[in-house]
Structure formats: C-alpha cells, structure tokens
Amino acid sequence: MQKKAKYISKSLALIAVLFCLVGLFTDSPFSWINVWLFLAPAMIIQEFIEMPAKGKSRIYSMVSIVAFSLLFGMAVLDLVIG
C-alpha cells in the first residue's frame, strides 16, 4: 500500500512541476494556484506516509496536513469560481 501511495504522491508532484514549466515557457494563461491542485495532495500523502507514531513530530505532521488541505481547498475554490 505504501508503494502505491508513494507512486501517486510522486506522480502528482511531477504533474505540478510540469505545470510550472509549462507556465514559465509558454504564453498560455497560468495561475500559480492551479499548481496546488496537484502539489497539495502529493504533500498530504507524503506526510501521511512519514507520520511518526507519537511525539512532537506527529503534531508538526498534523499541522502541515491541515495547511496543505487549506491550500488545496483554496485551489479548488479558485477552479470552481474562476
């Protein structure tokens, strides 16, 4: 299961990097918030995989998961509204 999660996470991060490169090297309209549509889920999956069982590091992981979830929510909202 962790191999599949790592594969999905790396694939989403690669898509986000490709979006950045396309935005930099083409004249197409580009919004940086759209990169978070793929980068935020990749980071959330990565944090779930590396989350320790207990301790202060677990609190850091939970806070970063919440922050990435908020960024993903803002990107989805921008996609729906805009």
PDB file of N, CA and C in Angstrom:
ATOM      1  N   MET A   1       0.821  -1.191   0.000  1.00  0.00           N
ATOM      2  CA  MET A   1       0.000   0.000   0.000  1.00  0.00           C
ATOM      3  C   MET A   1       0.872   1.264   0.000  1.00  0.00           C
ATOM      4  N   GLN A   2       1.975   1.220   0.759  1.00  0.00           N
ATOM      5  CA  GLN A   2       2.833   2.398   0.802  1.00  0.00           C
ATOM      6  C   GLN A   2       3.530   2.641  -0.533  1.00  0.00           C
ATOM      7  N   LYS A   3       3.818   1.589  -1.271  1.00  0.00           N
ATOM      8  CA  LYS A   3       4.438   1.774  -2.583  1.00  0.00           C
ATOM      9  C   LYS A   3       3.480   2.499  -3.517  1.00  0.00           C
ATOM     10  N   LYS A   4       2.204   2.135  -3.471  1.00  0.00           N
ATOM     11  CA  LYS A   4       1.213   2.803  -4.308  1.00  0.00           C
ATOM     12  C   LYS A   4       1.053   4.257  -3.896  1.00  0.00           C
ATOM     13  N   ALA A   5       1.046   4.511  -2.597  1.00  0.00           N
ATOM     14  CA  ALA A   5       0.904   5.884  -2.108  1.00  0.00           C
ATOM     15  C   ALA A   5       2.106   6.732  -2.520  1.00  0.00           C
ATOM     16  N   LYS A   6       3.296   6.172  -2.433  1.00  0.00           N
ATOM     17  CA  LYS A   6       4.489   6.910  -2.857  1.00  0.00           C
ATOM     18  C   LYS A   6       4.462   7.176  -4.361  1.00  0.00           C
ATOM     19  N   TYR A   7       4.004   6.200  -5.136  1.00  0.00           N
ATOM     20  CA  TYR A   7       3.911   6.374  -6.580  1.00  0.00           C
ATOM     21  C   TYR A   7       2.909   7.477  -6.924  1.00  0.00           C
ATOM     22  N   ILE A   8       1.770   7.480  -6.278  1.00  0.00           N
ATOM     23  CA  ILE A   8       0.755   8.509  -6.518  1.00  0.00           C
ATOM     24  C   ILE A   8       1.282   9.876  -6.104  1.00  0.00           C
ATOM     25  N   SER A   9       1.939   9.951  -4.959  1.00  0.00           N
ATOM     26  CA  SER A   9       2.487  11.208  -4.468  1.00  0.00           C
ATOM     27  C   SER A   9       3.530  11.776  -5.429  1.00  0.00           C
ATOM     28  N   LYS A  10       4.433  10.936  -5.886  1.00  0.00           N
ATOM     29  CA  LYS A  10       5.468  11.406  -6.812  1.00  0.00           C
ATOM     30  C   LYS A  10       4.875  11.783  -8.159  1.00  0.00           C
ATOM     31  N   SER A  11       3.845  11.072  -8.590  1.00  0.00           N
ATOM     32  CA  SER A  11       3.193  11.403  -9.861  1.00  0.00           C
ATOM     33  C   SER A  11       2.508  12.765  -9.780  1.00  0.00           C
ATOM     34  N   LEU A  12       1.823  13.035  -8.683  1.00  0.00           N
ATOM     35  CA  LEU A  12       1.165  14.330  -8.505  1.00  0.00           C
ATOM     36  C   LEU A  12       2.181  15.464  -8.430  1.00  0.00           C
ATOM     37  N   ALA A  13       3.290  15.224  -7.757  1.00  0.00           N
ATOM     38  CA  ALA A  13       4.338  16.243  -7.684  1.00  0.00           C
ATOM     39  C   ALA A  13       4.948  16.497  -9.064  1.00  0.00           C
ATOM     40  N   LEU A  14       5.112  15.455  -9.852  1.00  0.00           N
ATOM     41  CA  LEU A  14       5.640  15.612 -11.207  1.00  0.00           C
ATOM     42  C   LEU A  14       4.678  16.419 -12.077  1.00  0.00           C
ATOM     43  N   ILE A  15       3.391  16.171 -11.942  1.00  0.00           N
ATOM     44  CA  ILE A  15       2.399  16.947 -12.687  1.00  0.00           C
ATOM     45  C   ILE A  15       2.471  18.422 -12.293  1.00  0.00           C
ATOM     46  N   ALA A  16       2.632  18.701 -11.006  1.00  0.00           N
ATOM     47  CA  ALA A  16       2.750  20.088 -10.543  1.00  0.00           C
ATOM     48  C   ALA A  16       3.993  20.751 -11.128  1.00  0.00           C
ATOM     49  N   VAL A  17       5.101  20.029 -11.174  1.00  0.00           N
ATOM     50  CA  VAL A  17       6.330  20.578 -11.756  1.00  0.00           C
ATOM     51  C   VAL A  17       6.135  20.838 -13.247  1.00  0.00           C
ATOM     52  N   LEU A  18       5.466  19.941 -13.935  1.00  0.00           N
ATOM     53  CA  LEU A  18       5.203  20.145 -15.355  1.00  0.00           C
ATOM     54  C   LEU A  18       4.321  21.367 -15.586  1.00  0.00           C
ATOM     55  N   PHE A  19       3.328  21.584 -14.704  1.00  0.00           N
ATOM     56  CA  PHE A  19       2.509  22.787 -14.804  1.00  0.00           C
ATOM     57  C   PHE A  19       3.367  24.041 -14.652  1.00  0.00           C
ATOM     58  N   CYS A  20       4.299  24.023 -13.719  1.00  0.00           N
ATOM     59  CA  CYS A  20       5.196  25.173 -13.529  1.00  0.00           C
ATOM     60  C   CYS A  20       6.030  25.426 -14.777  1.00  0.00           C
ATOM     61  N   LEU A  21       6.587  24.373 -15.334  1.00  0.00           N
ATOM     62  CA  LEU A  21       7.421  24.525 -16.522  1.00  0.00           C
ATOM     63  C   LEU A  21       6.618  25.012 -17.721  1.00  0.00           C
ATOM     64  N   VAL A  22       5.421  24.498 -17.884  1.00  0.00           N
ATOM     65  CA  VAL A  22       4.573  24.954 -18.984  1.00  0.00           C
ATOM     66  C   VAL A  22       4.226  26.428 -18.798  1.00  0.00           C
ATOM     67  N   GLY A  23       3.941  26.822 -17.569  1.00  0.00           N
ATOM     68  CA  GLY A  23       3.632  28.218 -17.297  1.00  0.00           C
ATOM     69  C   GLY A  23       4.808  29.151 -17.528  1.00  0.00           C
ATOM     70  N   LEU A  24       6.006  28.668 -17.283  1.00  0.00           N
ATOM     71  CA  LEU A  24       7.191  29.501 -17.460  1.00  0.00           C
ATOM     72  C   LEU A  24       7.596  29.654 -18.924  1.00  0.00           C
ATOM     73  N   PHE A  25       7.438  28.599 -19.692  1.00  0.00           N
ATOM     74  CA  PHE A  25       7.980  28.604 -21.045  1.00  0.00           C
ATOM     75  C   PHE A  25       6.950  28.779 -22.157  1.00  0.00           C
ATOM     76  N   THR A  26       5.701  28.998 -21.822  1.00  0.00           N
ATOM     77  CA  THR A  26       4.682  29.247 -22.845  1.00  0.00           C
ATOM     78  C   THR A  26       3.954  30.544 -22.523  1.00  0.00           C
ATOM     79  N   ASP A  27       3.187  31.015 -23.486  1.00  0.00           N
ATOM     80  CA  ASP A  27       2.426  32.244 -23.298  1.00  0.00           C
ATOM     81  C   ASP A  27       0.990  31.971 -22.875  1.00  0.00           C
ATOM     82  N   SER A  28       0.683  30.743 -22.507  1.00  0.00           N
ATOM     83  CA  SER A  28      -0.683  30.421 -22.096  1.00  0.00           C
ATOM     84  C   SER A  28      -0.971  31.037 -20.727  1.00  0.00           C
ATOM     85  N   PRO A  29      -2.235  31.389 -20.476  1.00  0.00           N
ATOM     86  CA  PRO A  29      -2.568  31.948 -19.154  1.00  0.00           C
ATOM     87  C   PRO A  29      -2.300  30.915 -18.065  1.00  0.00           C
ATOM     88  N   PHE A  30      -1.671  31.361 -17.011  1.00  0.00           N
ATOM     89  CA  PHE A  30      -1.211  30.437 -15.969  1.00  0.00           C
ATOM     90  C   PHE A  30      -1.487  31.035 -14.599  1.00  0.00           C
ATOM     91  N   SER A  31      -2.041  30.236 -13.724  1.00  0.00           N
ATOM     92  CA  SER A  31      -2.280  30.651 -12.348  1.00  0.00           C
ATOM     93  C   SER A  31      -1.489  29.724 -11.421  1.00  0.00           C
ATOM     94  N   TRP A  32      -0.716  30.314 -10.538  1.00  0.00           N
ATOM     95  CA  TRP A  32       0.098  29.507  -9.619  1.00  0.00           C
ATOM     96  C   TRP A  32      -0.755  28.707  -8.658  1.00  0.00           C
ATOM     97  N   ILE A  33      -1.989  29.144  -8.428  1.00  0.00           N
ATOM     98  CA  ILE A  33      -2.850  28.407  -7.508  1.00  0.00           C
ATOM     99  C   ILE A  33      -3.224  27.048  -8.095  1.00  0.00           C
ATOM    100  N   ASN A  34      -3.216  26.929  -9.437  1.00  0.00           N
ATOM    101  CA  ASN A  34      -3.545  25.642 -10.057  1.00  0.00           C
ATOM    102  C   ASN A  34      -2.475  24.587  -9.802  1.00  0.00           C
ATOM    103  N   VAL A  35      -1.269  25.011  -9.533  1.00  0.00           N
ATOM    104  CA  VAL A  35      -0.207  24.055  -9.201  1.00  0.00           C
ATOM    105  C   VAL A  35      -0.551  23.339  -7.898  1.00  0.00           C
ATOM    106  N   TRP A  36      -1.203  24.048  -6.978  1.00  0.00           N
ATOM    107  CA  TRP A  36      -1.564  23.460  -5.693  1.00  0.00           C
ATOM    108  C   TRP A  36      -2.642  22.393  -5.812  1.00  0.00           C
ATOM    109  N   LEU A  37      -3.347  22.348  -6.950  1.00  0.00           N
ATOM    110  CA  LEU A  37      -4.316  21.270  -7.168  1.00  0.00           C
ATOM    111  C   LEU A  37      -3.628  19.912  -7.170  1.00  0.00           C
ATOM    112  N   PHE A  38      -2.380  19.874  -7.571  1.00  0.00           N
ATOM    113  CA  PHE A  38      -1.636  18.621  -7.617  1.00  0.00           C
ATOM    114  C   PHE A  38      -0.570  18.529  -6.539  1.00  0.00           C
ATOM    115  N   LEU A  39       0.024  19.649  -6.177  1.00  0.00           N
ATOM    116  CA  LEU A  39       1.107  19.626  -5.196  1.00  0.00           C
ATOM    117  C   LEU A  39       0.595  19.378  -3.778  1.00  0.00           C
ATOM    118  N   ALA A  40      -0.529  19.965  -3.418  1.00  0.00           N
ATOM    119  CA  ALA A  40      -1.053  19.787  -2.058  1.00  0.00           C
ATOM    120  C   ALA A  40      -1.420  18.329  -1.767  1.00  0.00           C
ATOM    121  N   PRO A  41      -2.162  17.629  -2.641  1.00  0.00           N
ATOM    122  CA  PRO A  41      -2.420  16.212  -2.349  1.00  0.00           C
ATOM    123  C   PRO A  41      -1.142  15.372  -2.279  1.00  0.00           C
ATOM    124  N   ALA A  42      -0.150  15.718  -3.103  1.00  0.00           N
ATOM    125  CA  ALA A  42       1.116  14.982  -3.056  1.00  0.00           C
ATOM    126  C   ALA A  42       1.786  15.162  -1.693  1.00  0.00           C
ATOM    127  N   MET A  43       1.767  16.380  -1.187  1.00  0.00           N
ATOM    128  CA  MET A  43       2.383  16.638   0.115  1.00  0.00           C
ATOM    129  C   MET A  43       1.582  16.004   1.255  1.00  0.00           C
ATOM    130  N   ILE A  44       0.269  15.994   1.146  1.00  0.00           N
ATOM    131  CA  ILE A  44      -0.567  15.364   2.182  1.00  0.00           C
ATOM    132  C   ILE A  44      -0.281  13.869   2.238  1.00  0.00           C
ATOM    133  N   ILE A  45      -0.235  13.217   1.076  1.00  0.00           N
ATOM    134  CA  ILE A  45       0.063  11.781   1.044  1.00  0.00           C
ATOM    135  C   ILE A  45       1.450  11.516   1.617  1.00  0.00           C
ATOM    136  N   GLN A  46       2.416  12.347   1.273  1.00  0.00           N
ATOM    137  CA  GLN A  46       3.777  12.178   1.778  1.00  0.00           C
ATOM    138  C   GLN A  46       3.826  12.325   3.300  1.00  0.00           C
ATOM    139  N   GLU A  47       3.088  13.283   3.837  1.00  0.00           N
ATOM    140  CA  GLU A  47       3.070  13.465   5.295  1.00  0.00           C
ATOM    141  C   GLU A  47       2.405  12.287   5.996  1.00  0.00           C
ATOM    142  N   PHE A  48       1.348  11.731   5.397  1.00  0.00           N
ATOM    143  CA  PHE A  48       0.709  10.562   5.998  1.00  0.00           C
ATOM    144  C   PHE A  48       1.646   9.363   6.009  1.00  0.00           C
ATOM    145  N   ILE A  49       2.430   9.212   4.959  1.00  0.00           N
ATOM    146  CA  ILE A  49       3.363   8.083   4.885  1.00  0.00           C
ATOM    147  C   ILE A  49       4.452   8.215   5.943  1.00  0.00           C
ATOM    148  N   GLU A  50       4.975   9.424   6.134  1.00  0.00           N
ATOM    149  CA  GLU A  50       6.112   9.636   7.034  1.00  0.00           C
ATOM    150  C   GLU A  50       5.716  10.027   8.454  1.00  0.00           C
ATOM    151  N   MET A  51       4.424  10.033   8.767  1.00  0.00           N
ATOM    152  CA  MET A  51       3.983  10.473  10.090  1.00  0.00           C
ATOM    153  C   MET A  51       4.438   9.490  11.174  1.00  0.00           C
ATOM    154  N   PRO A  52       5.107   9.998  12.206  1.00  0.00           N
ATOM    155  CA  PRO A  52       5.545   9.118  13.291  1.00  0.00           C
ATOM    156  C   PRO A  52       4.370   8.686  14.161  1.00  0.00           C
ATOM    157  N   ALA A  53       4.589   7.656  14.963  1.00  0.00           N
ATOM    158  CA  ALA A  53       3.520   7.111  15.802  1.00  0.00           C
ATOM    159  C   ALA A  53       3.089   8.083  16.892  1.00  0.00           C
ATOM    160  N   LYS A  54       4.045   8.755  17.523  1.00  0.00           N
ATOM    161  CA  LYS A  54       3.689   9.722  18.564  1.00  0.00           C
ATOM    162  C   LYS A  54       4.839  10.695  18.755  1.00  0.00           C
ATOM    163  N   GLY A  55       4.570  11.760  19.496  1.00  0.00           N
ATOM    164  CA  GLY A  55       5.592  12.754  19.777  1.00  0.00           C
ATOM    165  C   GLY A  55       5.297  14.089  19.136  1.00  0.00           C
ATOM    166  N   LYS A  56       6.239  15.008  19.297  1.00  0.00           N
ATOM    167  CA  LYS A  56       6.073  16.356  18.754  1.00  0.00           C
ATOM    168  C   LYS A  56       6.109  16.368  17.233  1.00  0.00           C
ATOM    169  N   SER A  57       6.818  15.444  16.639  1.00  0.00           N
ATOM    170  CA  SER A  57       6.874  15.383  15.180  1.00  0.00           C
ATOM    171  C   SER A  57       5.504  15.060  14.593  1.00  0.00           C
ATOM    172  N   ARG A  58       4.705  14.313  15.325  1.00  0.00           N
ATOM    173  CA  ARG A  58       3.352  13.992  14.863  1.00  0.00           C
ATOM    174  C   ARG A  58       2.498  15.254  14.820  1.00  0.00           C
ATOM    175  N   ILE A  59       2.674  16.136  15.794  1.00  0.00           N
ATOM    176  CA  ILE A  59       1.933  17.401  15.804  1.00  0.00           C
ATOM    177  C   ILE A  59       2.331  18.242  14.604  1.00  0.00           C
ATOM    178  N   TYR A  60       3.629  18.283  14.286  1.00  0.00           N
ATOM    179  CA  TYR A  60       4.096  19.003  13.105  1.00  0.00           C
ATOM    180  C   TYR A  60       3.463  18.435  11.836  1.00  0.00           C
ATOM    181  N   SER A  61       3.394  17.116  11.748  1.00  0.00           N
ATOM    182  CA  SER A  61       2.792  16.486  10.577  1.00  0.00           C
ATOM    183  C   SER A  61       1.312  16.841  10.451  1.00  0.00           C
ATOM    184  N   MET A  62       0.608  16.841  11.560  1.00  0.00           N
ATOM    185  CA  MET A  62      -0.815  17.173  11.519  1.00  0.00           C
ATOM    186  C   MET A  62      -1.033  18.630  11.119  1.00  0.00           C
ATOM    187  N   VAL A  63      -0.206  19.522  11.617  1.00  0.00           N
ATOM    188  CA  VAL A  63      -0.324  20.943  11.260  1.00  0.00           C
ATOM    189  C   VAL A  63      -0.026  21.142   9.775  1.00  0.00           C
ATOM    190  N   SER A  64       0.984  20.471   9.268  1.00  0.00           N
ATOM    191  CA  SER A  64       1.298  20.620   7.848  1.00  0.00           C
ATOM    192  C   SER A  64       0.215  20.002   6.968  1.00  0.00           C
ATOM    193  N   ILE A  65      -0.401  18.915   7.404  1.00  0.00           N
ATOM    194  CA  ILE A  65      -1.508  18.319   6.649  1.00  0.00           C
ATOM    195  C   ILE A  65      -2.684  19.287   6.596  1.00  0.00           C
ATOM    196  N   VAL A  66      -2.977  19.943   7.702  1.00  0.00           N
ATOM    197  CA  VAL A  66      -4.064  20.929   7.717  1.00  0.00           C
ATOM    198  C   VAL A  66      -3.738  22.103   6.796  1.00  0.00           C
ATOM    199  N   ALA A  67      -2.501  22.573   6.821  1.00  0.00           N
ATOM    200  CA  ALA A  67      -2.113  23.700   5.966  1.00  0.00           C
ATOM    201  C   ALA A  67      -2.210  23.321   4.488  1.00  0.00           C
ATOM    202  N   PHE A  68      -1.746  22.140   4.130  1.00  0.00           N
ATOM    203  CA  PHE A  68      -1.840  21.701   2.742  1.00  0.00           C
ATOM    204  C   PHE A  68      -3.289  21.479   2.327  1.00  0.00           C
ATOM    205  N   SER A  69      -4.110  21.027   3.254  1.00  0.00           N
ATOM    206  CA  SER A  69      -5.534  20.853   2.950  1.00  0.00           C
ATOM    207  C   SER A  69      -6.204  22.195   2.680  1.00  0.00           C
ATOM    208  N   LEU A  70      -5.832  23.217   3.445  1.00  0.00           N
ATOM    209  CA  LEU A  70      -6.372  24.555   3.193  1.00  0.00           C
ATOM    210  C   LEU A  70      -5.929  25.094   1.831  1.00  0.00           C
ATOM    211  N   LEU A  71      -4.678  24.887   1.479  1.00  0.00           N
ATOM    212  CA  LEU A  71      -4.194  25.309   0.164  1.00  0.00           C
ATOM    213  C   LEU A  71      -4.923  24.577  -0.959  1.00  0.00           C
ATOM    214  N   PHE A  72      -5.159  23.291  -0.764  1.00  0.00           N
ATOM    215  CA  PHE A  72      -5.894  22.522  -1.753  1.00  0.00           C
ATOM    216  C   PHE A  72      -7.331  23.029  -1.868  1.00  0.00           C
ATOM    217  N   GLY A  73      -7.949  23.345  -0.736  1.00  0.00           N
ATOM    218  CA  GLY A  73      -9.300  23.892  -0.749  1.00  0.00           C
ATOM    219  C   GLY A  73      -9.384  25.231  -1.473  1.00  0.00           C
ATOM    220  N   MET A  74      -8.405  26.090  -1.261  1.00  0.00           N
ATOM    221  CA  MET A  74      -8.376  27.364  -1.961  1.00  0.00           C
ATOM    222  C   MET A  74      -8.187  27.169  -3.454  1.00  0.00           C
ATOM    223  N   ALA A  75      -7.373  26.201  -3.840  1.00  0.00           N
ATOM    224  CA  ALA A  75      -7.168  25.944  -5.269  1.00  0.00           C
ATOM    225  C   ALA A  75      -8.436  25.415  -5.926  1.00  0.00           C
ATOM    226  N   VAL A  76      -9.144  24.532  -5.233  1.00  0.00           N
ATOM    227  CA  VAL A  76     -10.398  24.008  -5.770  1.00  0.00           C
ATOM    228  C   VAL A  76     -11.433  25.119  -5.859  1.00  0.00           C
ATOM    229  N   LEU A  77     -11.500  25.960  -4.854  1.00  0.00           N
ATOM    230  CA  LEU A  77     -12.441  27.089  -4.876  1.00  0.00           C
ATOM    231  C   LEU A  77     -12.123  28.023  -6.035  1.00  0.00           C
ATOM    232  N   ASP A  78     -10.858  28.307  -6.260  1.00  0.00           N
ATOM    233  CA  ASP A  78     -10.464  29.155  -7.387  1.00  0.00           C
ATOM    234  C   ASP A  78     -10.828  28.500  -8.711  1.00  0.00           C
ATOM    235  N   LEU A  79     -10.689  27.197  -8.794  1.00  0.00           N
ATOM    236  CA  LEU A  79     -11.044  26.477 -10.012  1.00  0.00           C
ATOM    237  C   LEU A  79     -12.547  26.547 -10.270  1.00  0.00           C
ATOM    238  N   VAL A  80     -13.346  26.416  -9.216  1.00  0.00           N
ATOM    239  CA  VAL A  80     -14.805  26.437  -9.358  1.00  0.00           C
ATOM    240  C   VAL A  80     -15.303  27.835  -9.670  1.00  0.00           C
ATOM    241  N   ILE A  81     -14.794  28.829  -8.964  1.00  0.00           N
ATOM    242  CA  ILE A  81     -15.262  30.215  -9.140  1.00  0.00           C
ATOM    243  C   ILE A  81     -14.702  30.820 -10.419  1.00  0.00           C
ATOM    244  N   GLY A  82     -13.419  30.651 -10.639  1.00  0.00           N
ATOM    245  CA  GLY A  82     -12.754  31.318 -11.758  1.00  0.00           C
ATOM    246  C   GLY A  82     -12.823  30.481 -12.960  1.00  0.00           C
TER     247      GLY A  82
END
